[in-house]
Every structure is written in C-alpha cells, then in structure tokens.
PDB file of all heavy atoms in Angstrom:
ATOM      1  N   LYS A   1       1.150  28.311   4.101  1.00  0.00           N
ATOM      2  CA  LYS A   1       0.821  28.818   5.461  1.00  0.00           C
ATOM      3  C   LYS A   1       1.857  28.201   6.481  1.00  0.00           C
ATOM      4  O   LYS A   1       2.410  27.097   6.133  1.00  0.00           O
ATOM      5  CB  LYS A   1      -0.537  28.369   5.835  1.00  0.00           C
ATOM      6  CG  LYS A   1      -1.014  28.676   7.227  1.00  0.00           C
ATOM      7  CD  LYS A   1      -2.436  28.228   7.480  1.00  0.00           C
ATOM      8  CE  LYS A   1      -2.965  28.582   8.907  1.00  0.00           C
ATOM      9  NZ  LYS A   1      -4.332  28.134   9.126  1.00  0.00           N
ATOM     10  N   GLN A   2       2.167  28.942   7.568  1.00  0.00           N
ATOM     11  CA  GLN A   2       3.138  28.473   8.466  1.00  0.00           C
ATOM     12  C   GLN A   2       2.480  27.654   9.586  1.00  0.00           C
ATOM     13  O   GLN A   2       1.441  28.265  10.176  1.00  0.00           O
ATOM     14  CB  GLN A   2       3.975  29.703   9.026  1.00  0.00           C
ATOM     15  CG  GLN A   2       4.840  30.299   7.943  1.00  0.00           C
ATOM     16  CD  GLN A   2       5.926  29.426   7.430  1.00  0.00           C
ATOM     17  OE1 GLN A   2       6.772  28.902   8.150  1.00  0.00           O
ATOM     18  NE2 GLN A   2       5.904  29.260   6.014  1.00  0.00           N
ATOM     19  N   TYR A   3       2.974  26.515   9.928  1.00  0.00           N
ATOM     20  CA  TYR A   3       2.463  25.770  11.056  1.00  0.00           C
ATOM     21  C   TYR A   3       3.609  25.601  12.072  1.00  0.00           C
ATOM     22  O   TYR A   3       4.815  25.474  11.726  1.00  0.00           O
ATOM     23  CB  TYR A   3       2.043  24.312  10.574  1.00  0.00           C
ATOM     24  CG  TYR A   3       0.828  24.408   9.582  1.00  0.00           C
ATOM     25  CD1 TYR A   3       0.937  24.577   8.245  1.00  0.00           C
ATOM     26  CD2 TYR A   3      -0.463  24.394  10.141  1.00  0.00           C
ATOM     27  CE1 TYR A   3      -0.096  24.641   7.428  1.00  0.00           C
ATOM     28  CE2 TYR A   3      -1.524  24.392   9.294  1.00  0.00           C
ATOM     29  CZ  TYR A   3      -1.441  24.560   7.938  1.00  0.00           C
ATOM     30  OH  TYR A   3      -2.495  24.577   7.077  1.00  0.00           O
ATOM     31  N   GLU A   4       3.174  25.348  13.264  1.00  0.00           N
ATOM     32  CA  GLU A   4       4.104  25.085  14.357  1.00  0.00           C
ATOM     33  C   GLU A   4       4.467  23.597  14.380  1.00  0.00           C
ATOM     34  O   GLU A   4       5.533  23.143  14.771  1.00  0.00           O
ATOM     35  CB  GLU A   4       3.603  25.514  15.750  1.00  0.00           C
ATOM     36  CG  GLU A   4       3.738  26.958  16.109  1.00  0.00           C
ATOM     37  CD  GLU A   4       2.677  27.768  15.353  1.00  0.00           C
ATOM     38  OE1 GLU A   4       1.606  27.398  15.150  1.00  0.00           O
ATOM     39  OE2 GLU A   4       3.084  28.959  14.894  1.00  0.00           O
ATOM     40  N   ILE A   5       3.440  22.781  14.070  1.00  0.00           N
ATOM     41  CA  ILE A   5       3.559  21.259  14.029  1.00  0.00           C
ATOM     42  C   ILE A   5       2.952  20.809  12.687  1.00  0.00           C
ATOM     43  O   ILE A   5       1.943  21.170  12.304  1.00  0.00           O
ATOM     44  CB  ILE A   5       2.817  20.703  15.240  1.00  0.00           C
ATOM     45  CG1 ILE A   5       3.491  21.249  16.566  1.00  0.00           C
ATOM     46  CG2 ILE A   5       2.895  19.173  15.163  1.00  0.00           C
ATOM     47  CD1 ILE A   5       2.777  20.749  17.814  1.00  0.00           C
ATOM     48  N   ILE A   6       3.870  19.896  12.099  1.00  0.00           N
ATOM     49  CA  ILE A   6       3.307  19.201  10.845  1.00  0.00           C
ATOM     50  C   ILE A   6       3.380  17.679  11.178  1.00  0.00           C
ATOM     51  O   ILE A   6       4.400  17.139  11.527  1.00  0.00           O
ATOM     52  CB  ILE A   6       4.234  19.545   9.616  1.00  0.00           C
ATOM     53  CG1 ILE A   6       4.237  20.996   9.355  1.00  0.00           C
ATOM     54  CG2 ILE A   6       3.788  18.704   8.491  1.00  0.00           C
ATOM     55  CD1 ILE A   6       5.321  21.464   8.320  1.00  0.00           C
ATOM     56  N   ILE A   7       2.184  17.059  11.019  1.00  0.00           N
ATOM     57  CA  ILE A   7       2.061  15.621  11.272  1.00  0.00           C
ATOM     58  C   ILE A   7       2.037  15.046   9.784  1.00  0.00           C
ATOM     59  O   ILE A   7       1.076  15.366   8.988  1.00  0.00           O
ATOM     60  CB  ILE A   7       0.776  15.229  12.093  1.00  0.00           C
ATOM     61  CG1 ILE A   7       0.823  15.891  13.454  1.00  0.00           C
ATOM     62  CG2 ILE A   7       0.632  13.772  12.111  1.00  0.00           C
ATOM     63  CD1 ILE A   7      -0.411  15.698  14.294  1.00  0.00           C
ATOM     64  N   LEU A   8       2.947  14.054   9.557  1.00  0.00           N
ATOM     65  CA  LEU A   8       2.958  13.462   8.193  1.00  0.00           C
ATOM     66  C   LEU A   8       2.598  12.005   8.463  1.00  0.00           C
ATOM     67  O   LEU A   8       3.351  11.201   9.012  1.00  0.00           O
ATOM     68  CB  LEU A   8       4.299  13.467   7.545  1.00  0.00           C
ATOM     69  CG  LEU A   8       4.789  14.943   7.263  1.00  0.00           C
ATOM     70  CD1 LEU A   8       6.155  14.962   6.659  1.00  0.00           C
ATOM     71  CD2 LEU A   8       3.865  15.660   6.321  1.00  0.00           C
ATOM     72  N   ALA A   9       1.396  11.627   8.003  1.00  0.00           N
ATOM     73  CA  ALA A   9       0.875  10.198   8.169  1.00  0.00           C
ATOM     74  C   ALA A   9       0.597   9.607   6.774  1.00  0.00           C
ATOM     75  O   ALA A   9      -0.595   9.580   6.321  1.00  0.00           O
ATOM     76  CB  ALA A   9      -0.309  10.167   9.065  1.00  0.00           C
ATOM     77  N   ILE A  10       1.578   9.250   6.039  1.00  0.00           N
ATOM     78  CA  ILE A  10       1.419   8.942   4.625  1.00  0.00           C
ATOM     79  C   ILE A  10       2.506   7.981   4.198  1.00  0.00           C
ATOM     80  O   ILE A  10       3.561   7.978   4.773  1.00  0.00           O
ATOM     81  CB  ILE A  10       1.343  10.266   3.792  1.00  0.00           C
ATOM     82  CG1 ILE A  10       0.850  10.014   2.399  1.00  0.00           C
ATOM     83  CG2 ILE A  10       2.757  10.945   3.723  1.00  0.00           C
ATOM     84  CD1 ILE A  10       0.430  11.263   1.640  1.00  0.00           C
ATOM     85  N   GLY A  11       2.248   7.261   3.052  1.00  0.00           N
ATOM     86  CA  GLY A  11       3.297   6.325   2.517  1.00  0.00           C
ATOM     87  C   GLY A  11       2.836   5.020   2.174  1.00  0.00           C
ATOM     88  O   GLY A  11       3.329   4.428   1.241  1.00  0.00           O
ATOM     89  N   ILE A  12       1.684   4.527   2.763  1.00  0.00           N
ATOM     90  CA  ILE A  12       1.324   3.177   2.471  1.00  0.00           C
ATOM     91  C   ILE A  12       0.813   2.988   1.064  1.00  0.00           C
ATOM     92  O   ILE A  12       1.063   1.929   0.453  1.00  0.00           O
ATOM     93  CB  ILE A  12       0.169   2.789   3.522  1.00  0.00           C
ATOM     94  CG1 ILE A  12       0.099   1.210   3.619  1.00  0.00           C
ATOM     95  CG2 ILE A  12      -1.172   3.340   3.162  1.00  0.00           C
ATOM     96  CD1 ILE A  12       1.227   0.602   4.363  1.00  0.00           C
ATOM     97  N   ASN A  13       0.290   4.014   0.508  1.00  0.00           N
ATOM     98  CA  ASN A  13      -0.274   3.885  -0.881  1.00  0.00           C
ATOM     99  C   ASN A  13       0.871   3.897  -1.895  1.00  0.00           C
ATOM    100  O   ASN A  13       0.680   3.365  -3.079  1.00  0.00           O
ATOM    101  CB  ASN A  13      -1.218   5.063  -1.228  1.00  0.00           C
ATOM    102  CG  ASN A  13      -2.497   4.866  -0.590  1.00  0.00           C
ATOM    103  OD1 ASN A  13      -3.057   3.823  -0.653  1.00  0.00           O
ATOM    104  ND2 ASN A  13      -3.048   5.916  -0.079  1.00  0.00           N
ATOM    105  N   ASP A  14       2.100   4.258  -1.535  1.00  0.00           N
ATOM    106  CA  ASP A  14       3.231   4.026  -2.493  1.00  0.00           C
ATOM    107  C   ASP A  14       3.638   2.615  -2.637  1.00  0.00           C
ATOM    108  O   ASP A  14       4.409   2.391  -3.537  1.00  0.00           O
ATOM    109  CB  ASP A  14       4.399   4.920  -1.854  1.00  0.00           C
ATOM    110  CG  ASP A  14       4.156   6.380  -1.943  1.00  0.00           C
ATOM    111  OD1 ASP A  14       4.312   7.026  -2.938  1.00  0.00           O
ATOM    112  OD2 ASP A  14       3.541   6.909  -0.916  1.00  0.00           O
ATOM    113  N   LEU A  15       3.019   1.815  -1.795  1.00  0.00           N
ATOM    114  CA  LEU A  15       3.312   0.429  -1.893  1.00  0.00           C
ATOM    115  C   LEU A  15       2.383  -0.366  -2.761  1.00  0.00           C
ATOM    116  O   LEU A  15       2.443  -1.580  -2.996  1.00  0.00           O
ATOM    117  CB  LEU A  15       3.312  -0.260  -0.476  1.00  0.00           C
ATOM    118  CG  LEU A  15       4.295   0.265   0.569  1.00  0.00           C
ATOM    119  CD1 LEU A  15       4.145  -0.542   1.882  1.00  0.00           C
ATOM    120  CD2 LEU A  15       5.705   0.287   0.065  1.00  0.00           C
ATOM    121  N   GLN A  16       1.446   0.244  -3.447  1.00  0.00           N
ATOM    122  CA  GLN A  16       0.584  -0.312  -4.448  1.00  0.00           C
ATOM    123  C   GLN A  16       1.456  -0.930  -5.473  1.00  0.00           C
ATOM    124  O   GLN A  16       2.477  -0.311  -5.937  1.00  0.00           O
ATOM    125  CB  GLN A  16      -0.352   0.703  -4.989  1.00  0.00           C
ATOM    126  CG  GLN A  16      -1.392   1.206  -3.997  1.00  0.00           C
ATOM    127  CD  GLN A  16      -2.328   2.365  -4.540  1.00  0.00           C
ATOM    128  OE1 GLN A  16      -2.452   2.382  -5.799  1.00  0.00           O
ATOM    129  NE2 GLN A  16      -2.921   3.108  -3.687  1.00  0.00           N
ATOM    130  N   TYR A  17       1.057  -2.088  -5.984  1.00  0.00           N
ATOM    131  CA  TYR A  17       1.980  -2.820  -6.880  1.00  0.00           C
ATOM    132  C   TYR A  17       2.209  -2.015  -8.174  1.00  0.00           C
ATOM    133  O   TYR A  17       3.235  -2.317  -8.898  1.00  0.00           O
ATOM    134  CB  TYR A  17       1.432  -4.235  -7.080  1.00  0.00           C
ATOM    135  CG  TYR A  17       0.108  -4.389  -7.832  1.00  0.00           C
ATOM    136  CD1 TYR A  17       0.046  -4.269  -9.232  1.00  0.00           C
ATOM    137  CD2 TYR A  17      -1.077  -4.686  -7.074  1.00  0.00           C
ATOM    138  CE1 TYR A  17      -1.187  -4.434  -9.885  1.00  0.00           C
ATOM    139  CE2 TYR A  17      -2.224  -4.852  -7.751  1.00  0.00           C
ATOM    140  CZ  TYR A  17      -2.312  -4.719  -9.119  1.00  0.00           C
ATOM    141  OH  TYR A  17      -3.518  -4.912  -9.776  1.00  0.00           O
ATOM    142  N   SER A  18       1.331  -1.239  -8.660  1.00  0.00           N
ATOM    143  CA  SER A  18       1.456  -0.526  -9.911  1.00  0.00           C
ATOM    144  C   SER A  18       2.724   0.457  -9.933  1.00  0.00           C
ATOM    145  O   SER A  18       3.244   0.661 -10.959  1.00  0.00           O
ATOM    146  CB  SER A  18       0.164   0.249 -10.317  1.00  0.00           C
ATOM    147  OG  SER A  18      -0.095   1.191  -9.385  1.00  0.00           O
ATOM    148  N   TYR A  19       3.040   0.911  -8.729  1.00  0.00           N
ATOM    149  CA  TYR A  19       4.125   1.883  -8.623  1.00  0.00           C
ATOM    150  C   TYR A  19       5.497   1.094  -8.612  1.00  0.00           C
ATOM    151  O   TYR A  19       6.549   1.768  -8.839  1.00  0.00           O
ATOM    152  CB  TYR A  19       3.992   2.703  -7.300  1.00  0.00           C
ATOM    153  CG  TYR A  19       2.791   3.547  -7.378  1.00  0.00           C
ATOM    154  CD1 TYR A  19       1.928   3.529  -6.205  1.00  0.00           C
ATOM    155  CD2 TYR A  19       2.578   4.353  -8.375  1.00  0.00           C
ATOM    156  CE1 TYR A  19       0.740   4.391  -6.316  1.00  0.00           C
ATOM    157  CE2 TYR A  19       1.440   5.290  -8.453  1.00  0.00           C
ATOM    158  CZ  TYR A  19       0.508   5.245  -7.296  1.00  0.00           C
ATOM    159  OH  TYR A  19      -0.519   5.948  -7.301  1.00  0.00           O
ATOM    160  N   ASN A  20       5.548  -0.229  -8.263  1.00  0.00           N
ATOM    161  CA  ASN A  20       6.735  -0.989  -8.342  1.00  0.00           C
ATOM    162  C   ASN A  20       7.819  -0.340  -7.593  1.00  0.00           C
ATOM    163  O   ASN A  20       8.960  -0.266  -8.008  1.00  0.00           O
ATOM    164  CB  ASN A  20       7.125  -1.276  -9.696  1.00  0.00           C
ATOM    165  CG  ASN A  20       8.085  -2.404  -9.865  1.00  0.00           C
ATOM    166  OD1 ASN A  20       8.146  -3.329  -9.001  1.00  0.00           O
ATOM    167  ND2 ASN A  20       8.916  -2.391 -10.903  1.00  0.00           N
ATOM    168  N   CYS A  21       7.521   0.120  -6.337  1.00  0.00           N
ATOM    169  CA  CYS A  21       8.547   0.927  -5.552  1.00  0.00           C
ATOM    170  C   CYS A  21       9.328   0.026  -4.665  1.00  0.00           C
ATOM    171  O   CYS A  21       8.823  -0.731  -3.810  1.00  0.00           O
ATOM    172  CB  CYS A  21       7.724   1.842  -4.703  1.00  0.00           C
ATOM    173  SG  CYS A  21       8.703   2.822  -3.569  1.00  0.00           S
ATOM    174  N   ASP A  22      10.666   0.038  -4.855  1.00  0.00           N
ATOM    175  CA  ASP A  22      11.568  -0.738  -3.999  1.00  0.00           C
ATOM    176  C   ASP A  22      11.769   0.042  -2.766  1.00  0.00           C
ATOM    177  O   ASP A  22      11.412   1.228  -2.621  1.00  0.00           O
ATOM    178  CB  ASP A  22      12.845  -1.212  -4.653  1.00  0.00           C
ATOM    179  CG  ASP A  22      13.698   0.064  -5.158  1.00  0.00           C
ATOM    180  OD1 ASP A  22      13.740   1.157  -4.460  1.00  0.00           O
ATOM    181  OD2 ASP A  22      14.285   0.013  -6.258  1.00  0.00           O
ATOM    182  N   LEU A  23      12.458  -0.518  -1.746  1.00  0.00           N
ATOM    183  CA  LEU A  23      12.513   0.059  -0.422  1.00  0.00           C
ATOM    184  C   LEU A  23      13.551   1.312  -0.449  1.00  0.00           C
ATOM    185  O   LEU A  23      13.323   2.186   0.296  1.00  0.00           O
ATOM    186  CB  LEU A  23      13.052  -0.929   0.580  1.00  0.00           C
ATOM    187  CG  LEU A  23      11.981  -2.077   0.982  1.00  0.00           C
ATOM    188  CD1 LEU A  23      12.555  -3.023   1.947  1.00  0.00           C
ATOM    189  CD2 LEU A  23      10.695  -1.414   1.496  1.00  0.00           C
ATOM    190  N   LYS A  24      14.519   1.178  -1.298  1.00  0.00           N
ATOM    191  CA  LYS A  24      15.429   2.395  -1.480  1.00  0.00           C
ATOM    192  C   LYS A  24      14.714   3.522  -2.035  1.00  0.00           C
ATOM    193  O   LYS A  24      14.860   4.668  -1.500  1.00  0.00           O
ATOM    194  CB  LYS A  24      16.653   2.025  -2.339  1.00  0.00           C
ATOM    195  CG  LYS A  24      17.661   3.096  -2.535  1.00  0.00           C
ATOM    196  CD  LYS A  24      18.797   2.693  -3.418  1.00  0.00           C
ATOM    197  CE  LYS A  24      19.758   3.790  -3.488  1.00  0.00           C
ATOM    198  NZ  LYS A  24      21.018   3.381  -4.378  1.00  0.00           N
ATOM    199  N   THR A  25      13.862   3.347  -3.046  1.00  0.00           N
ATOM    200  CA  THR A  25      13.144   4.436  -3.641  1.00  0.00           C
ATOM    201  C   THR A  25      12.108   4.936  -2.553  1.00  0.00           C
ATOM    202  O   THR A  25      11.911   6.173  -2.519  1.00  0.00           O
ATOM    203  CB  THR A  25      12.336   3.988  -4.851  1.00  0.00           C
ATOM    204  OG1 THR A  25      13.222   3.420  -5.802  1.00  0.00           O
ATOM    205  CG2 THR A  25      11.488   5.046  -5.502  1.00  0.00           C
ATOM    206  N   PHE A  26      11.548   4.068  -1.773  1.00  0.00           N
ATOM    207  CA  PHE A  26      10.608   4.489  -0.767  1.00  0.00           C
ATOM    208  C   PHE A  26      11.323   5.393   0.240  1.00  0.00           C
ATOM    209  O   PHE A  26      10.732   6.407   0.589  1.00  0.00           O
ATOM    210  CB  PHE A  26      10.056   3.274   0.001  1.00  0.00           C
ATOM    211  CG  PHE A  26       8.915   3.484   1.001  1.00  0.00           C
ATOM    212  CD1 PHE A  26       7.646   3.584   0.584  1.00  0.00           C
ATOM    213  CD2 PHE A  26       9.241   3.855   2.315  1.00  0.00           C
ATOM    214  CE1 PHE A  26       6.618   3.846   1.508  1.00  0.00           C
ATOM    215  CE2 PHE A  26       8.258   4.108   3.211  1.00  0.00           C
ATOM    216  CZ  PHE A  26       6.995   4.167   2.816  1.00  0.00           C
ATOM    217  N   GLU A  27      12.480   4.939   0.678  1.00  0.00           N
ATOM    218  CA  GLU A  27      13.236   5.844   1.649  1.00  0.00           C
ATOM    219  C   GLU A  27      13.554   7.199   1.057  1.00  0.00           C
ATOM    220  O   GLU A  27      13.396   8.210   1.720  1.00  0.00           O
ATOM    221  CB  GLU A  27      14.519   5.130   2.087  1.00  0.00           C
ATOM    222  CG  GLU A  27      15.266   5.888   3.131  1.00  0.00           C
ATOM    223  CD  GLU A  27      16.282   5.031   3.817  1.00  0.00           C
ATOM    224  OE1 GLU A  27      16.477   3.916   3.460  1.00  0.00           O
ATOM    225  OE2 GLU A  27      17.035   5.537   4.704  1.00  0.00           O
ATOM    226  N   GLN A  28      13.973   7.234  -0.179  1.00  0.00           N
ATOM    227  CA  GLN A  28      14.283   8.558  -0.843  1.00  0.00           C
ATOM    228  C   GLN A  28      13.042   9.393  -0.905  1.00  0.00           C
ATOM    229  O   GLN A  28      13.035  10.577  -0.746  1.00  0.00           O
ATOM    230  CB  GLN A  28      14.826   8.205  -2.237  1.00  0.00           C
ATOM    231  CG  GLN A  28      16.249   7.607  -2.251  1.00  0.00           C
ATOM    232  CD  GLN A  28      16.730   7.194  -3.572  1.00  0.00           C
ATOM    233  OE1 GLN A  28      15.863   6.895  -4.494  1.00  0.00           O
ATOM    234  NE2 GLN A  28      17.923   6.976  -3.778  1.00  0.00           N
ATOM    235  N   GLY A  29      11.830   8.746  -1.268  1.00  0.00           N
ATOM    236  CA  GLY A  29      10.628   9.477  -1.346  1.00  0.00           C
ATOM    237  C   GLY A  29      10.128  10.085  -0.115  1.00  0.00           C
ATOM    238  O   GLY A  29       9.793  11.298  -0.080  1.00  0.00           O
ATOM    239  N   ILE A  30      10.200   9.361   1.007  1.00  0.00           N
ATOM    240  CA  ILE A  30       9.737   9.894   2.327  1.00  0.00           C
ATOM    241  C   ILE A  30      10.785  10.953   2.745  1.00  0.00           C
ATOM    242  O   ILE A  30      10.353  12.005   3.314  1.00  0.00           O
ATOM    243  CB  ILE A  30       9.662   8.823   3.428  1.00  0.00           C
ATOM    244  CG1 ILE A  30       8.715   7.702   2.946  1.00  0.00           C
ATOM    245  CG2 ILE A  30       9.341   9.356   4.660  1.00  0.00           C
ATOM    246  CD1 ILE A  30       7.157   8.262   2.820  1.00  0.00           C
ATOM    247  N   THR A  31      12.029  10.823   2.463  1.00  0.00           N
ATOM    248  CA  THR A  31      13.007  11.826   2.813  1.00  0.00           C
ATOM    249  C   THR A  31      12.755  13.138   2.046  1.00  0.00           C
ATOM    250  O   THR A  31      12.845  14.224   2.589  1.00  0.00           O
ATOM    251  CB  THR A  31      14.405  11.310   2.495  1.00  0.00           C
ATOM    252  OG1 THR A  31      14.644  10.168   3.323  1.00  0.00           O
ATOM    253  CG2 THR A  31      15.519  12.328   2.903  1.00  0.00           C
ATOM    254  N   GLU A  32      12.396  12.970   0.720  1.00  0.00           N
ATOM    255  CA  GLU A  32      12.084  14.156  -0.045  1.00  0.00           C
ATOM    256  C   GLU A  32      10.860  14.925   0.477  1.00  0.00           C
ATOM    257  O   GLU A  32      10.850  16.143   0.518  1.00  0.00           O
ATOM    258  CB  GLU A  32      11.860  13.696  -1.449  1.00  0.00           C
ATOM    259  CG  GLU A  32      11.555  14.843  -2.484  1.00  0.00           C
ATOM    260  CD  GLU A  32      11.275  14.368  -3.862  1.00  0.00           C
ATOM    261  OE1 GLU A  32      11.403  13.196  -4.162  1.00  0.00           O
ATOM    262  OE2 GLU A  32      10.946  15.188  -4.661  1.00  0.00           O
ATOM    263  N   LEU A  33       9.872  14.127   1.005  1.00  0.00           N
ATOM    264  CA  LEU A  33       8.653  14.796   1.617  1.00  0.00           C
ATOM    265  C   LEU A  33       9.036  15.568   2.878  1.00  0.00           C
ATOM    266  O   LEU A  33       8.607  16.727   3.040  1.00  0.00           O
ATOM    267  CB  LEU A  33       7.684  13.626   1.925  1.00  0.00           C
ATOM    268  CG  LEU A  33       6.264  14.114   2.459  1.00  0.00           C
ATOM    269  CD1 LEU A  33       5.477  14.617   1.237  1.00  0.00           C
ATOM    270  CD2 LEU A  33       5.540  12.944   3.106  1.00  0.00           C
ATOM    271  N   ILE A  34       9.929  15.002   3.690  1.00  0.00           N
ATOM    272  CA  ILE A  34      10.435  15.664   4.890  1.00  0.00           C
ATOM    273  C   ILE A  34      11.125  16.929   4.457  1.00  0.00           C
ATOM    274  O   ILE A  34      10.918  17.988   5.119  1.00  0.00           O
ATOM    275  CB  ILE A  34      11.299  14.686   5.721  1.00  0.00           C
ATOM    276  CG1 ILE A  34      10.510  13.594   6.266  1.00  0.00           C
ATOM    277  CG2 ILE A  34      12.023  15.473   6.815  1.00  0.00           C
ATOM    278  CD1 ILE A  34       9.653  13.944   7.468  1.00  0.00           C
ATOM    279  N   ASN A  35      11.940  16.816   3.552  1.00  0.00           N
ATOM    280  CA  ASN A  35      12.785  17.963   3.051  1.00  0.00           C
ATOM    281  C   ASN A  35      11.908  19.115   2.621  1.00  0.00           C
ATOM    282  O   ASN A  35      12.177  20.278   2.869  1.00  0.00           O
ATOM    283  CB  ASN A  35      13.747  17.599   2.041  1.00  0.00           C
ATOM    284  CG  ASN A  35      14.968  16.809   2.563  1.00  0.00           C
ATOM    285  OD1 ASN A  35      15.176  16.784   3.808  1.00  0.00           O
ATOM    286  ND2 ASN A  35      15.595  16.011   1.745  1.00  0.00           N
ATOM    287  N   ALA A  36      10.842  18.740   1.861  1.00  0.00           N
ATOM    288  CA  ALA A  36       9.899  19.756   1.408  1.00  0.00           C
ATOM    289  C   ALA A  36       9.232  20.507   2.574  1.00  0.00           C
ATOM    290  O   ALA A  36       9.107  21.759   2.537  1.00  0.00           O
ATOM    291  CB  ALA A  36       8.857  19.133   0.469  1.00  0.00           C
ATOM    292  N   ALA A  37       8.803  19.662   3.521  1.00  0.00           N
ATOM    293  CA  ALA A  37       8.231  20.289   4.721  1.00  0.00           C
ATOM    294  C   ALA A  37       9.099  21.209   5.404  1.00  0.00           C
ATOM    295  O   ALA A  37       8.789  22.340   5.837  1.00  0.00           O
ATOM    296  CB  ALA A  37       7.641  19.208   5.671  1.00  0.00           C
ATOM    297  N   LYS A  38      10.357  20.788   5.645  1.00  0.00           N
ATOM    298  CA  LYS A  38      11.344  21.532   6.322  1.00  0.00           C
ATOM    299  C   LYS A  38      11.754  22.856   5.602  1.00  0.00           C
ATOM    300  O   LYS A  38      12.026  23.881   6.189  1.00  0.00           O
ATOM    301  CB  LYS A  38      12.649  20.713   6.580  1.00  0.00           C
ATOM    302  CG  LYS A  38      12.376  19.611   7.625  1.00  0.00           C
ATOM    303  CD  LYS A  38      13.562  18.713   7.722  1.00  0.00           C
ATOM    304  CE  LYS A  38      14.793  19.304   8.317  1.00  0.00           C
ATOM    305  NZ  LYS A  38      15.868  18.249   8.495  1.00  0.00           N
ATOM    306  N   THR A  39      11.787  22.788   4.286  1.00  0.00           N
ATOM    307  CA  THR A  39      12.186  23.938   3.407  1.00  0.00           C
ATOM    308  C   THR A  39      11.074  25.014   3.495  1.00  0.00           C
ATOM    309  O   THR A  39      11.420  26.231   3.687  1.00  0.00           O
ATOM    310  CB  THR A  39      12.342  23.494   1.955  1.00  0.00           C
ATOM    311  OG1 THR A  39      13.395  22.582   1.877  1.00  0.00           O
ATOM    312  CG2 THR A  39      12.684  24.647   1.105  1.00  0.00           C
ATOM    313  N   LEU A  40       9.747  24.602   3.452  1.00  0.00           N
ATOM    314  CA  LEU A  40       8.675  25.449   3.376  1.00  0.00           C
ATOM    315  C   LEU A  40       8.262  26.003   4.732  1.00  0.00           C
ATOM    316  O   LEU A  40       7.722  27.053   4.943  1.00  0.00           O
ATOM    317  CB  LEU A  40       7.587  24.966   2.592  1.00  0.00           C
ATOM    318  CG  LEU A  40       7.814  24.714   1.136  1.00  0.00           C
ATOM    319  CD1 LEU A  40       6.732  23.832   0.547  1.00  0.00           C
ATOM    320  CD2 LEU A  40       7.911  25.997   0.450  1.00  0.00           C
ATOM    321  N   ASN A  41       8.426  25.151   5.832  1.00  0.00           N
ATOM    322  CA  ASN A  41       8.129  25.570   7.218  1.00  0.00           C
ATOM    323  C   ASN A  41       9.315  25.222   8.031  1.00  0.00           C
ATOM    324  O   ASN A  41       9.241  24.271   8.892  1.00  0.00           O
ATOM    325  CB  ASN A  41       6.878  24.680   7.650  1.00  0.00           C
ATOM    326  CG  ASN A  41       5.603  25.519   7.528  1.00  0.00           C
ATOM    327  OD1 ASN A  41       4.668  25.503   8.368  1.00  0.00           O
ATOM    328  ND2 ASN A  41       5.452  26.213   6.344  1.00  0.00           N
ATOM    329  N   PRO A  42      10.387  26.002   7.931  1.00  0.00           N
ATOM    330  CA  PRO A  42      11.679  25.612   8.622  1.00  0.00           C
ATOM    331  C   PRO A  42      11.613  25.539  10.157  1.00  0.00           C
ATOM    332  O   PRO A  42      12.422  24.896  10.769  1.00  0.00           O
ATOM    333  CB  PRO A  42      12.622  26.695   8.158  1.00  0.00           C
ATOM    334  CG  PRO A  42      11.773  27.832   7.727  1.00  0.00           C
ATOM    335  CD  PRO A  42      10.545  27.169   7.164  1.00  0.00           C
ATOM    336  N   ASN A  43      10.646  26.263  10.742  1.00  0.00           N
ATOM    337  CA  ASN A  43      10.572  26.297  12.154  1.00  0.00           C
ATOM    338  C   ASN A  43       9.573  25.308  12.723  1.00  0.00           C
ATOM    339  O   ASN A  43       9.450  25.215  14.034  1.00  0.00           O
ATOM    340  CB  ASN A  43      10.145  27.723  12.644  1.00  0.00           C
ATOM    341  CG  ASN A  43      11.196  28.779  12.262  1.00  0.00           C
ATOM    342  OD1 ASN A  43      12.431  28.493  12.372  1.00  0.00           O
ATOM    343  ND2 ASN A  43      10.796  29.919  11.761  1.00  0.00           N
TER     344      ASN A  43
END
C-alpha cells in the first residue's frame, strides 16, 4: 500500500546479544530498511 509518511521506530532488538551485531552491521541493516521503504514507496 502507498503511504505519504512512513515512521520507522525500530532497531533496538537487533542489539540482543544472540544476534552479535556489531555497529557496522547495524548501520548496514538500518540503511537496508530505509532502502526497502524508499523502493516500495518512493514518494
């Protein structure tokens, strides 16, 4: 569905110790999330 505004309030759970996520991986992951949103709802 197309939205005019997308609010992304997520990421803290990726810091759970079982994921062993370093900060570089974290940055790449959040960037990937943004790119997915922009690709599917470009406006």
